[in-house]
Amino acid sequence: MKAVGSAPGTPRERAPDLRDEVRNALGQMDWLTDADAAMKALAMRQAEEIEKAIDRAAEHAAIAAEVGGQLDIHKRLKALEAQCDVTKTVGWLGPQLHGVLRDLSKRGDGEGKPVGGRLAKLRQAAKQATGEHDS
């Protein structure tokens, strides 16, 4: 299936299916446990929604090309069009999906231990500087 390119009238090959790519990435994260099942499902669901938006946009373009100005079909087409904003869907879910996958990938760094990060290091340094202890 072709997707619309960045310039009008410039078709490009559709990127690999994000569902497959996320599934493969998750399969390589051998450190994940049953406790990560919900996050894995969330990552798959977000990839699914992004792919659905792409499929809806293609369906919308096909219907629009077929129907011309028929009013009843035009109403259905407008309803579908509201769900077809791929840029909006990817813009909303893409960063969320990235965060889920990043969090899951970090789980392999500490064998299931929480990942600290820069903020945790800054807090620890501040505690040490003021003489506070962890409770």
N, C-alpha and C. Protein backbone atom coordinates (compact mmCIF):
# COMPACT_ATOMS: atom_id res chain seq x y z
N MET A 1 0.85 -1.17 0.00
CA MET A 1 0.00 0.00 0.00
C MET A 1 0.89 1.24 0.00
N LYS A 2 0.52 2.23 -0.76
CA LYS A 2 1.26 3.48 -0.82
C LYS A 2 0.68 4.45 0.19
N ALA A 3 1.52 5.31 0.71
CA ALA A 3 1.08 6.38 1.59
C ALA A 3 1.48 7.70 0.94
N VAL A 4 0.81 8.77 1.33
CA VAL A 4 1.07 10.07 0.75
C VAL A 4 2.42 10.57 1.24
N GLY A 5 3.24 11.08 0.32
CA GLY A 5 4.55 11.60 0.68
C GLY A 5 4.45 13.00 1.24
N SER A 6 5.59 13.61 1.50
CA SER A 6 5.60 14.93 2.10
C SER A 6 5.18 16.01 1.12
N ALA A 7 5.46 15.84 -0.16
CA ALA A 7 5.05 16.81 -1.17
C ALA A 7 3.77 16.31 -1.83
N PRO A 8 2.85 17.24 -2.14
CA PRO A 8 1.61 16.82 -2.78
C PRO A 8 1.88 16.06 -4.07
N GLY A 9 1.21 14.92 -4.21
CA GLY A 9 1.34 14.13 -5.42
C GLY A 9 2.59 13.27 -5.47
N THR A 10 3.36 13.26 -4.39
CA THR A 10 4.58 12.47 -4.36
C THR A 10 4.36 11.25 -3.48
N PRO A 11 3.99 10.11 -4.08
CA PRO A 11 3.78 8.91 -3.26
C PRO A 11 5.11 8.35 -2.79
N ARG A 12 5.08 7.68 -1.66
CA ARG A 12 6.26 7.00 -1.15
C ARG A 12 5.84 5.64 -0.62
N GLU A 13 6.80 4.77 -0.48
CA GLU A 13 6.50 3.46 0.08
C GLU A 13 6.10 3.64 1.53
N ARG A 14 5.13 2.86 1.95
CA ARG A 14 4.69 2.90 3.34
C ARG A 14 5.77 2.29 4.23
N ALA A 15 5.97 2.89 5.38
CA ALA A 15 6.95 2.40 6.34
C ALA A 15 6.54 1.01 6.82
N PRO A 16 7.48 0.26 7.39
CA PRO A 16 7.12 -1.05 7.95
C PRO A 16 6.00 -0.91 8.96
N ASP A 17 5.22 -1.96 9.10
CA ASP A 17 4.10 -1.95 10.03
C ASP A 17 4.62 -1.80 11.46
N LEU A 18 4.18 -0.76 12.13
CA LEU A 18 4.66 -0.45 13.47
C LEU A 18 4.32 -1.56 14.46
N ARG A 19 3.21 -2.25 14.23
CA ARG A 19 2.85 -3.36 15.13
C ARG A 19 3.92 -4.44 15.11
N ASP A 20 4.41 -4.77 13.92
CA ASP A 20 5.46 -5.78 13.80
C ASP A 20 6.76 -5.30 14.44
N GLU A 21 7.10 -4.04 14.21
CA GLU A 21 8.34 -3.50 14.75
C GLU A 21 8.32 -3.47 16.28
N VAL A 22 7.19 -3.06 16.86
CA VAL A 22 7.08 -3.02 18.32
C VAL A 22 7.11 -4.44 18.88
N ARG A 23 6.39 -5.35 18.23
CA ARG A 23 6.38 -6.75 18.67
C ARG A 23 7.81 -7.31 18.66
N ASN A 24 8.58 -7.02 17.60
CA ASN A 24 9.96 -7.49 17.52
C ASN A 24 10.83 -6.87 18.61
N ALA A 25 10.66 -5.58 18.85
CA ALA A 25 11.43 -4.91 19.89
C ALA A 25 11.13 -5.51 21.26
N LEU A 26 9.86 -5.73 21.53
CA LEU A 26 9.47 -6.32 22.82
C LEU A 26 10.02 -7.74 22.96
N GLY A 27 10.04 -8.48 21.87
CA GLY A 27 10.56 -9.84 21.89
C GLY A 27 12.05 -9.89 22.20
N GLN A 28 12.76 -8.82 21.91
CA GLN A 28 14.19 -8.78 22.18
C GLN A 28 14.50 -8.33 23.61
N MET A 29 13.50 -7.87 24.33
CA MET A 29 13.70 -7.41 25.71
C MET A 29 13.50 -8.59 26.65
N ASP A 30 14.51 -9.47 26.70
CA ASP A 30 14.39 -10.70 27.47
C ASP A 30 14.38 -10.49 28.98
N TRP A 31 14.60 -9.28 29.44
CA TRP A 31 14.58 -8.98 30.87
C TRP A 31 13.18 -8.67 31.39
N LEU A 32 12.22 -8.52 30.50
CA LEU A 32 10.87 -8.19 30.94
C LEU A 32 10.25 -9.39 31.66
N THR A 33 9.42 -9.08 32.64
CA THR A 33 8.77 -10.13 33.44
C THR A 33 7.26 -10.04 33.26
N ASP A 34 6.55 -10.92 33.92
CA ASP A 34 5.08 -10.89 33.87
C ASP A 34 4.55 -9.56 34.39
N ALA A 35 5.29 -8.91 35.26
CA ALA A 35 4.86 -7.61 35.80
C ALA A 35 4.84 -6.54 34.72
N ASP A 36 5.53 -6.76 33.61
CA ASP A 36 5.58 -5.80 32.51
C ASP A 36 4.50 -6.04 31.46
N ALA A 37 3.64 -7.02 31.69
CA ALA A 37 2.64 -7.39 30.68
C ALA A 37 1.75 -6.23 30.29
N ALA A 38 1.33 -5.43 31.25
CA ALA A 38 0.44 -4.31 30.94
C ALA A 38 1.15 -3.26 30.08
N MET A 39 2.41 -2.97 30.37
CA MET A 39 3.15 -2.00 29.57
C MET A 39 3.39 -2.54 28.17
N LYS A 40 3.65 -3.83 28.05
CA LYS A 40 3.82 -4.43 26.74
C LYS A 40 2.51 -4.32 25.95
N ALA A 41 1.40 -4.59 26.60
CA ALA A 41 0.09 -4.48 25.94
C ALA A 41 -0.18 -3.04 25.53
N LEU A 42 0.20 -2.10 26.39
CA LEU A 42 0.02 -0.68 26.06
C LEU A 42 0.83 -0.30 24.83
N ALA A 43 2.07 -0.74 24.77
CA ALA A 43 2.90 -0.45 23.61
C ALA A 43 2.27 -1.02 22.34
N MET A 44 1.77 -2.24 22.41
CA MET A 44 1.13 -2.85 21.24
C MET A 44 -0.14 -2.09 20.85
N ARG A 45 -0.92 -1.67 21.85
CA ARG A 45 -2.16 -0.93 21.57
C ARG A 45 -1.86 0.41 20.90
N GLN A 46 -0.83 1.10 21.37
CA GLN A 46 -0.47 2.38 20.76
C GLN A 46 -0.01 2.18 19.32
N ALA A 47 0.78 1.16 19.08
CA ALA A 47 1.20 0.86 17.71
C ALA A 47 -0.02 0.54 16.84
N GLU A 48 -0.96 -0.21 17.39
CA GLU A 48 -2.20 -0.54 16.67
C GLU A 48 -2.98 0.72 16.30
N GLU A 49 -3.12 1.65 17.23
CA GLU A 49 -3.87 2.88 16.96
C GLU A 49 -3.20 3.72 15.89
N ILE A 50 -1.88 3.77 15.91
CA ILE A 50 -1.16 4.51 14.87
C ILE A 50 -1.39 3.86 13.51
N GLU A 51 -1.32 2.54 13.43
CA GLU A 51 -1.56 1.85 12.16
C GLU A 51 -3.01 2.01 11.71
N LYS A 52 -3.96 2.00 12.65
CA LYS A 52 -5.37 2.21 12.28
C LYS A 52 -5.57 3.59 11.68
N ALA A 53 -4.90 4.60 12.23
CA ALA A 53 -5.03 5.95 11.69
C ALA A 53 -4.53 6.01 10.25
N ILE A 54 -3.45 5.31 9.98
CA ILE A 54 -2.91 5.26 8.62
C ILE A 54 -3.89 4.55 7.69
N ASP A 55 -4.45 3.43 8.15
CA ASP A 55 -5.43 2.69 7.35
C ASP A 55 -6.68 3.52 7.09
N ARG A 56 -7.15 4.24 8.12
CA ARG A 56 -8.34 5.09 7.95
C ARG A 56 -8.09 6.19 6.93
N ALA A 57 -6.91 6.78 6.97
CA ALA A 57 -6.58 7.85 6.02
C ALA A 57 -6.60 7.30 4.59
N ALA A 58 -6.08 6.11 4.40
CA ALA A 58 -6.10 5.49 3.07
C ALA A 58 -7.53 5.19 2.64
N GLU A 59 -8.35 4.69 3.57
CA GLU A 59 -9.76 4.42 3.27
C GLU A 59 -10.50 5.71 2.91
N HIS A 60 -10.22 6.75 3.66
CA HIS A 60 -10.85 8.05 3.40
C HIS A 60 -10.50 8.54 1.99
N ALA A 61 -9.24 8.46 1.63
CA ALA A 61 -8.82 8.91 0.30
C ALA A 61 -9.50 8.09 -0.80
N ALA A 62 -9.63 6.79 -0.59
CA ALA A 62 -10.27 5.92 -1.59
C ALA A 62 -11.75 6.26 -1.74
N ILE A 63 -12.43 6.45 -0.61
CA ILE A 63 -13.87 6.78 -0.66
C ILE A 63 -14.07 8.14 -1.30
N ALA A 64 -13.26 9.11 -0.91
CA ALA A 64 -13.39 10.46 -1.46
C ALA A 64 -13.23 10.45 -2.98
N ALA A 65 -12.33 9.63 -3.46
CA ALA A 65 -12.11 9.55 -4.91
C ALA A 65 -13.32 8.92 -5.62
N GLU A 66 -14.03 8.02 -4.95
CA GLU A 66 -15.15 7.31 -5.56
C GLU A 66 -16.46 8.09 -5.55
N VAL A 67 -16.75 8.85 -4.48
CA VAL A 67 -18.11 9.34 -4.26
C VAL A 67 -18.45 10.67 -4.89
N GLY A 68 -17.47 11.52 -5.10
CA GLY A 68 -17.82 12.81 -5.65
C GLY A 68 -18.63 13.62 -4.66
N GLY A 69 -19.85 14.06 -5.06
CA GLY A 69 -20.64 14.94 -4.21
C GLY A 69 -21.91 14.36 -3.63
N GLN A 70 -22.03 13.07 -3.50
CA GLN A 70 -23.24 12.47 -2.94
C GLN A 70 -23.34 12.81 -1.44
N LEU A 71 -24.46 13.39 -1.03
CA LEU A 71 -24.58 13.94 0.32
C LEU A 71 -24.57 12.89 1.43
N ASP A 72 -25.31 11.80 1.29
CA ASP A 72 -25.34 10.80 2.37
C ASP A 72 -23.96 10.18 2.58
N ILE A 73 -23.30 9.91 1.50
CA ILE A 73 -21.95 9.36 1.60
C ILE A 73 -20.99 10.44 2.11
N HIS A 74 -21.27 11.67 1.74
CA HIS A 74 -20.43 12.79 2.18
C HIS A 74 -20.45 12.90 3.70
N LYS A 75 -21.61 12.70 4.33
CA LYS A 75 -21.70 12.75 5.80
C LYS A 75 -20.88 11.64 6.44
N ARG A 76 -20.99 10.45 5.88
CA ARG A 76 -20.19 9.33 6.40
C ARG A 76 -18.71 9.58 6.20
N LEU A 77 -18.39 10.16 5.06
CA LEU A 77 -17.00 10.47 4.76
C LEU A 77 -16.44 11.50 5.74
N LYS A 78 -17.24 12.51 6.07
CA LYS A 78 -16.81 13.52 7.04
C LYS A 78 -16.58 12.90 8.42
N ALA A 79 -17.44 11.98 8.83
CA ALA A 79 -17.26 11.30 10.11
C ALA A 79 -15.96 10.50 10.12
N LEU A 80 -15.69 9.82 9.02
CA LEU A 80 -14.45 9.06 8.92
C LEU A 80 -13.25 10.00 8.88
N GLU A 81 -13.39 11.10 8.18
CA GLU A 81 -12.30 12.06 8.05
C GLU A 81 -11.85 12.57 9.42
N ALA A 82 -12.79 12.74 10.33
CA ALA A 82 -12.46 13.22 11.67
C ALA A 82 -11.54 12.24 12.41
N GLN A 83 -11.57 10.98 12.01
CA GLN A 83 -10.74 9.95 12.65
C GLN A 83 -9.44 9.69 11.88
N CYS A 84 -9.20 10.43 10.82
CA CYS A 84 -8.12 10.09 9.89
C CYS A 84 -6.87 10.96 10.00
N ASP A 85 -6.78 11.78 10.99
CA ASP A 85 -5.63 12.67 11.07
C ASP A 85 -4.42 11.88 11.57
N VAL A 86 -3.67 11.32 10.63
CA VAL A 86 -2.51 10.50 10.97
C VAL A 86 -1.47 11.33 11.71
N THR A 87 -1.22 12.53 11.25
CA THR A 87 -0.23 13.38 11.90
C THR A 87 -0.60 13.62 13.36
N LYS A 88 -1.86 13.87 13.61
CA LYS A 88 -2.33 14.10 14.97
C LYS A 88 -2.18 12.84 15.82
N THR A 89 -2.57 11.70 15.26
CA THR A 89 -2.47 10.44 15.99
C THR A 89 -1.03 10.09 16.30
N VAL A 90 -0.16 10.18 15.30
CA VAL A 90 1.25 9.89 15.52
C VAL A 90 1.86 10.93 16.46
N GLY A 91 1.47 12.18 16.30
CA GLY A 91 1.98 13.23 17.18
C GLY A 91 1.59 13.02 18.63
N TRP A 92 0.41 12.46 18.84
CA TRP A 92 -0.07 12.21 20.19
C TRP A 92 0.47 10.89 20.74
N LEU A 93 0.34 9.82 19.98
CA LEU A 93 0.72 8.50 20.48
C LEU A 93 2.20 8.16 20.26
N GLY A 94 2.82 8.76 19.26
CA GLY A 94 4.23 8.46 18.99
C GLY A 94 5.13 8.71 20.20
N PRO A 95 5.09 9.91 20.80
CA PRO A 95 5.92 10.15 21.98
C PRO A 95 5.54 9.25 23.16
N GLN A 96 4.26 8.95 23.29
CA GLN A 96 3.85 8.05 24.36
C GLN A 96 4.40 6.64 24.13
N LEU A 97 4.33 6.18 22.90
CA LEU A 97 4.87 4.86 22.56
C LEU A 97 6.39 4.85 22.80
N HIS A 98 7.05 5.91 22.40
CA HIS A 98 8.49 6.00 22.63
C HIS A 98 8.79 5.90 24.13
N GLY A 99 8.02 6.59 24.96
CA GLY A 99 8.23 6.53 26.40
C GLY A 99 8.03 5.14 26.97
N VAL A 100 7.00 4.45 26.50
CA VAL A 100 6.74 3.09 26.97
C VAL A 100 7.90 2.17 26.60
N LEU A 101 8.33 2.24 25.35
CA LEU A 101 9.43 1.38 24.90
C LEU A 101 10.74 1.75 25.59
N ARG A 102 10.98 3.05 25.80
CA ARG A 102 12.19 3.48 26.50
C ARG A 102 12.19 2.95 27.93
N ASP A 103 11.06 3.06 28.62
CA ASP A 103 10.96 2.56 29.99
C ASP A 103 11.18 1.06 30.04
N LEU A 104 10.60 0.35 29.09
CA LEU A 104 10.79 -1.10 29.06
C LEU A 104 12.23 -1.46 28.75
N SER A 105 12.86 -0.73 27.85
CA SER A 105 14.24 -1.05 27.49
C SER A 105 15.19 -0.80 28.66
N LYS A 106 14.88 0.18 29.49
CA LYS A 106 15.72 0.48 30.65
C LYS A 106 15.63 -0.59 31.71
N ARG A 107 14.57 -1.35 31.69
CA ARG A 107 14.41 -2.40 32.68
C ARG A 107 15.55 -3.40 32.58
N GLY A 108 16.15 -3.55 31.44
CA GLY A 108 17.26 -4.48 31.26
C GLY A 108 18.55 -3.97 31.86
N ASP A 109 18.64 -2.67 32.14
CA ASP A 109 19.87 -2.11 32.70
C ASP A 109 20.09 -2.48 34.15
N GLY A 110 19.02 -2.66 34.91
CA GLY A 110 19.18 -2.88 36.33
C GLY A 110 18.57 -4.17 36.82
N GLU A 111 18.38 -5.13 35.93
CA GLU A 111 17.81 -6.42 36.30
C GLU A 111 16.53 -6.27 37.11
N GLY A 112 15.65 -5.40 36.63
CA GLY A 112 14.35 -5.25 37.28
C GLY A 112 14.32 -4.20 38.36
N LYS A 113 15.47 -3.59 38.66
CA LYS A 113 15.50 -2.55 39.68
C LYS A 113 15.03 -1.24 39.06
N PRO A 114 14.43 -0.35 39.87
CA PRO A 114 13.98 0.93 39.31
C PRO A 114 15.15 1.70 38.70
N VAL A 115 14.88 2.39 37.64
CA VAL A 115 15.90 3.18 36.97
C VAL A 115 15.89 4.57 37.58
N GLY A 116 17.04 5.08 37.98
CA GLY A 116 17.14 6.37 38.66
C GLY A 116 16.95 7.54 37.74
N GLY A 117 17.87 7.76 36.85
CA GLY A 117 17.80 8.88 35.95
C GLY A 117 18.40 10.14 36.55
N ARG A 118 18.46 11.18 35.76
CA ARG A 118 19.11 12.44 36.15
C ARG A 118 18.42 13.07 37.35
N LEU A 119 17.10 13.11 37.38
CA LEU A 119 16.39 13.73 38.50
C LEU A 119 16.70 13.02 39.81
N ALA A 120 16.74 11.69 39.78
CA ALA A 120 17.05 10.93 41.00
C ALA A 120 18.47 11.24 41.47
N LYS A 121 19.39 11.38 40.55
CA LYS A 121 20.78 11.71 40.91
C LYS A 121 20.87 13.10 41.53
N LEU A 122 20.13 14.05 40.96
CA LEU A 122 20.12 15.40 41.51
C LEU A 122 19.52 15.43 42.91
N ARG A 123 18.45 14.68 43.10
CA ARG A 123 17.85 14.61 44.43
C ARG A 123 18.80 13.99 45.44
N GLN A 124 19.47 12.93 45.03
CA GLN A 124 20.43 12.26 45.92
C GLN A 124 21.57 13.21 46.28
N ALA A 125 22.08 13.94 45.30
CA ALA A 125 23.17 14.89 45.56
C ALA A 125 22.71 15.99 46.51
N ALA A 126 21.47 16.46 46.34
CA ALA A 126 20.94 17.49 47.23
C ALA A 126 20.80 16.97 48.65
N LYS A 127 20.35 15.74 48.80
CA LYS A 127 20.22 15.13 50.12
C LYS A 127 21.58 15.00 50.79
N GLN A 128 22.57 14.58 50.01
CA GLN A 128 23.91 14.43 50.57
C GLN A 128 24.48 15.78 50.97
N ALA A 129 24.21 16.80 50.18
CA ALA A 129 24.74 18.13 50.48
C ALA A 129 24.10 18.72 51.74
N THR A 130 22.83 18.40 51.98
CA THR A 130 22.15 18.94 53.17
C THR A 130 22.20 17.99 54.35
N GLY A 131 22.79 16.83 54.16
CA GLY A 131 22.93 15.87 55.26
C GLY A 131 21.68 15.05 55.53
N GLU A 132 20.69 15.09 54.63
CA GLU A 132 19.46 14.29 54.82
C GLU A 132 19.76 12.84 54.50
N HIS A 133 18.94 11.97 55.08
CA HIS A 133 19.06 10.53 54.82
C HIS A 133 17.78 10.03 54.18
N ASP A 134 17.89 8.94 53.40
CA ASP A 134 16.69 8.30 52.81
C ASP A 134 15.86 7.71 53.91
N SER A 135 14.54 7.81 53.78
CA SER A 135 13.66 7.19 54.78
C SER A 135 13.10 5.91 54.31
